[in-house]
N, C-alpha and C. Protein backbone atom coordinates (compact mmCIF):
# COMPACT_ATOMS: atom_id res chain seq x y z
N UNK A 1 68.87 -43.93 34.30
CA UNK A 1 69.66 -45.13 34.48
C UNK A 1 69.03 -45.96 35.61
N UNK A 2 68.96 -47.23 35.39
CA UNK A 2 68.37 -48.12 36.40
C UNK A 2 69.47 -48.83 37.20
N UNK A 3 69.30 -48.88 38.49
CA UNK A 3 70.28 -49.51 39.37
C UNK A 3 69.66 -50.72 40.07
N UNK A 4 70.50 -51.67 40.37
CA UNK A 4 70.01 -52.86 41.04
C UNK A 4 69.57 -52.52 42.49
N UNK A 5 68.75 -53.35 43.02
CA UNK A 5 68.29 -53.13 44.38
C UNK A 5 69.44 -53.16 45.42
N UNK A 6 70.42 -54.04 45.17
CA UNK A 6 71.53 -54.12 46.10
C UNK A 6 72.40 -52.84 46.02
N UNK A 7 72.54 -52.27 44.86
CA UNK A 7 73.30 -51.03 44.70
C UNK A 7 72.58 -49.89 45.43
N UNK A 8 71.26 -49.86 45.30
CA UNK A 8 70.50 -48.83 46.00
C UNK A 8 70.65 -48.98 47.50
N UNK A 9 70.69 -50.23 47.99
CA UNK A 9 70.87 -50.49 49.40
C UNK A 9 72.23 -50.00 49.87
N UNK A 10 73.28 -50.24 49.06
CA UNK A 10 74.63 -49.76 49.39
C UNK A 10 74.64 -48.24 49.53
N UNK A 11 74.04 -47.55 48.59
CA UNK A 11 73.99 -46.10 48.64
C UNK A 11 73.20 -45.59 49.87
N UNK A 12 72.10 -46.27 50.16
CA UNK A 12 71.30 -45.90 51.34
C UNK A 12 72.11 -46.07 52.60
N UNK A 13 72.83 -47.17 52.70
CA UNK A 13 73.64 -47.42 53.85
C UNK A 13 74.77 -46.41 53.97
N UNK A 14 75.39 -46.08 52.85
CA UNK A 14 76.47 -45.09 52.82
C UNK A 14 75.97 -43.74 53.30
N UNK A 15 74.82 -43.32 52.85
CA UNK A 15 74.26 -42.03 53.30
C UNK A 15 73.89 -42.05 54.79
N UNK A 16 73.38 -43.19 55.25
CA UNK A 16 73.02 -43.31 56.64
C UNK A 16 74.25 -43.23 57.53
N UNK A 17 75.33 -43.92 57.14
CA UNK A 17 76.59 -43.89 57.91
C UNK A 17 77.15 -42.47 57.90
N UNK A 18 77.13 -41.81 56.74
CA UNK A 18 77.65 -40.45 56.67
C UNK A 18 76.91 -39.52 57.63
N UNK A 19 75.59 -39.66 57.67
CA UNK A 19 74.80 -38.84 58.58
C UNK A 19 75.12 -39.14 60.06
N UNK A 20 75.20 -40.43 60.36
CA UNK A 20 75.43 -40.85 61.74
C UNK A 20 76.80 -40.49 62.27
N UNK A 21 77.81 -40.46 61.36
CA UNK A 21 79.20 -40.28 61.82
C UNK A 21 79.75 -38.89 61.61
N UNK A 22 78.92 -37.99 61.12
CA UNK A 22 79.40 -36.63 60.85
C UNK A 22 79.87 -35.97 62.14
N UNK A 23 81.09 -35.46 62.09
CA UNK A 23 81.67 -34.75 63.26
C UNK A 23 82.26 -35.62 64.32
N UNK A 24 82.33 -36.93 64.12
CA UNK A 24 82.87 -37.82 65.17
C UNK A 24 84.40 -37.84 65.07
N UNK A 25 85.04 -38.08 66.22
CA UNK A 25 86.45 -38.28 66.23
C UNK A 25 86.74 -39.80 66.01
N UNK A 26 88.00 -40.14 65.98
CA UNK A 26 88.38 -41.49 65.63
C UNK A 26 87.83 -42.51 66.65
N UNK A 27 87.94 -42.22 67.94
CA UNK A 27 87.44 -43.16 68.94
C UNK A 27 85.95 -43.38 68.77
N UNK A 28 85.21 -42.31 68.53
CA UNK A 28 83.75 -42.44 68.34
C UNK A 28 83.43 -43.24 67.10
N UNK A 29 84.23 -43.03 66.02
CA UNK A 29 84.01 -43.79 64.78
C UNK A 29 84.24 -45.31 65.00
N UNK A 30 85.31 -45.64 65.73
CA UNK A 30 85.60 -47.04 66.01
C UNK A 30 84.46 -47.65 66.80
N UNK A 31 83.98 -46.95 67.81
CA UNK A 31 82.86 -47.46 68.64
C UNK A 31 81.65 -47.64 67.76
N UNK A 32 81.35 -46.69 66.89
CA UNK A 32 80.16 -46.77 66.01
C UNK A 32 80.23 -48.04 65.15
N UNK A 33 81.39 -48.28 64.50
CA UNK A 33 81.48 -49.45 63.63
C UNK A 33 81.49 -50.76 64.40
N UNK A 34 82.05 -50.76 65.61
CA UNK A 34 81.95 -51.99 66.45
C UNK A 34 80.50 -52.31 66.79
N UNK A 35 79.75 -51.26 67.09
CA UNK A 35 78.32 -51.48 67.43
C UNK A 35 77.56 -51.94 66.21
N UNK A 36 77.86 -51.34 65.04
CA UNK A 36 77.14 -51.76 63.84
C UNK A 36 77.50 -53.18 63.46
N UNK A 37 78.73 -53.58 63.70
CA UNK A 37 79.16 -54.94 63.44
C UNK A 37 78.39 -55.92 64.38
N UNK A 38 78.24 -55.53 65.61
CA UNK A 38 77.47 -56.33 66.58
C UNK A 38 76.03 -56.46 66.14
N UNK A 39 75.42 -55.35 65.72
CA UNK A 39 74.03 -55.37 65.26
C UNK A 39 73.86 -56.28 64.06
N UNK A 40 74.80 -56.24 63.14
CA UNK A 40 74.75 -57.05 61.93
C UNK A 40 74.86 -58.54 62.31
N UNK A 41 75.71 -58.86 63.24
CA UNK A 41 75.86 -60.27 63.69
C UNK A 41 74.59 -60.76 64.34
N UNK A 42 73.94 -59.92 65.12
CA UNK A 42 72.70 -60.31 65.74
C UNK A 42 71.58 -60.47 64.72
N UNK A 43 71.56 -59.55 63.74
CA UNK A 43 70.51 -59.57 62.72
C UNK A 43 70.63 -60.80 61.82
N UNK A 44 71.83 -61.16 61.42
CA UNK A 44 72.06 -62.26 60.49
C UNK A 44 72.21 -63.61 61.20
N UNK A 45 72.49 -63.58 62.51
CA UNK A 45 72.68 -64.80 63.24
C UNK A 45 74.01 -65.44 63.03
N UNK A 46 74.97 -64.67 62.39
CA UNK A 46 76.29 -65.20 62.18
C UNK A 46 77.20 -64.75 63.31
N UNK A 47 78.20 -65.57 63.63
CA UNK A 47 79.13 -65.19 64.70
C UNK A 47 79.92 -63.94 64.34
N UNK A 48 80.33 -63.22 65.36
CA UNK A 48 81.09 -61.98 65.20
C UNK A 48 82.57 -62.25 65.19
N UNK A 49 83.27 -61.62 64.27
CA UNK A 49 84.77 -61.67 64.22
C UNK A 49 85.32 -63.07 64.23
N UNK A 50 84.96 -63.89 63.28
CA UNK A 50 85.53 -65.21 63.17
C UNK A 50 86.98 -65.10 62.73
N UNK A 51 87.87 -65.90 63.32
CA UNK A 51 89.26 -65.84 62.85
C UNK A 51 89.38 -66.41 61.44
N UNK A 52 90.50 -66.18 60.81
CA UNK A 52 90.72 -66.66 59.45
C UNK A 52 90.64 -68.18 59.45
N UNK A 53 90.30 -68.74 58.29
CA UNK A 53 90.13 -70.20 58.17
C UNK A 53 91.40 -70.92 58.58
N UNK A 54 92.55 -70.41 58.16
CA UNK A 54 93.83 -71.07 58.50
C UNK A 54 93.99 -71.12 60.03
N UNK A 55 93.62 -70.07 60.71
CA UNK A 55 93.73 -70.00 62.16
C UNK A 55 92.81 -71.00 62.81
N UNK A 56 91.58 -71.09 62.29
CA UNK A 56 90.63 -72.03 62.85
C UNK A 56 91.08 -73.45 62.64
N UNK A 57 91.65 -73.78 61.46
CA UNK A 57 92.15 -75.12 61.18
C UNK A 57 93.28 -75.47 62.14
N UNK A 58 94.22 -74.52 62.36
CA UNK A 58 95.34 -74.73 63.23
C UNK A 58 94.86 -74.97 64.68
N UNK A 59 93.87 -74.17 65.11
CA UNK A 59 93.34 -74.32 66.47
C UNK A 59 92.71 -75.73 66.64
N UNK A 60 91.99 -76.17 65.63
CA UNK A 60 91.35 -77.48 65.72
C UNK A 60 92.41 -78.60 65.78
N UNK A 61 93.48 -78.46 64.98
CA UNK A 61 94.55 -79.46 65.04
C UNK A 61 95.21 -79.49 66.39
N UNK A 62 95.43 -78.30 66.97
CA UNK A 62 96.05 -78.24 68.29
C UNK A 62 95.15 -78.84 69.38
N UNK A 63 93.85 -78.63 69.24
CA UNK A 63 92.91 -79.17 70.23
C UNK A 63 92.90 -80.70 70.19
N UNK A 64 93.06 -81.26 69.01
CA UNK A 64 92.95 -82.73 68.86
C UNK A 64 94.28 -83.44 69.04
N UNK A 65 95.33 -82.74 69.20
CA UNK A 65 96.64 -83.40 69.33
C UNK A 65 97.07 -83.52 70.77
């Protein structure tokens, strides 16, 4: 069976995360995923943890009023 490149990437990432997080407690897991989120933001150049669109729109309205 042939799989798409993106599906292969998902499986590779899943295996990597499983290896990296084996035996961690909850606090360590949270720290691991926060760090991976930060690395992804740096790699893609996208901002980290953007609020929901509705929240951003409300904030802009409040700033301009």
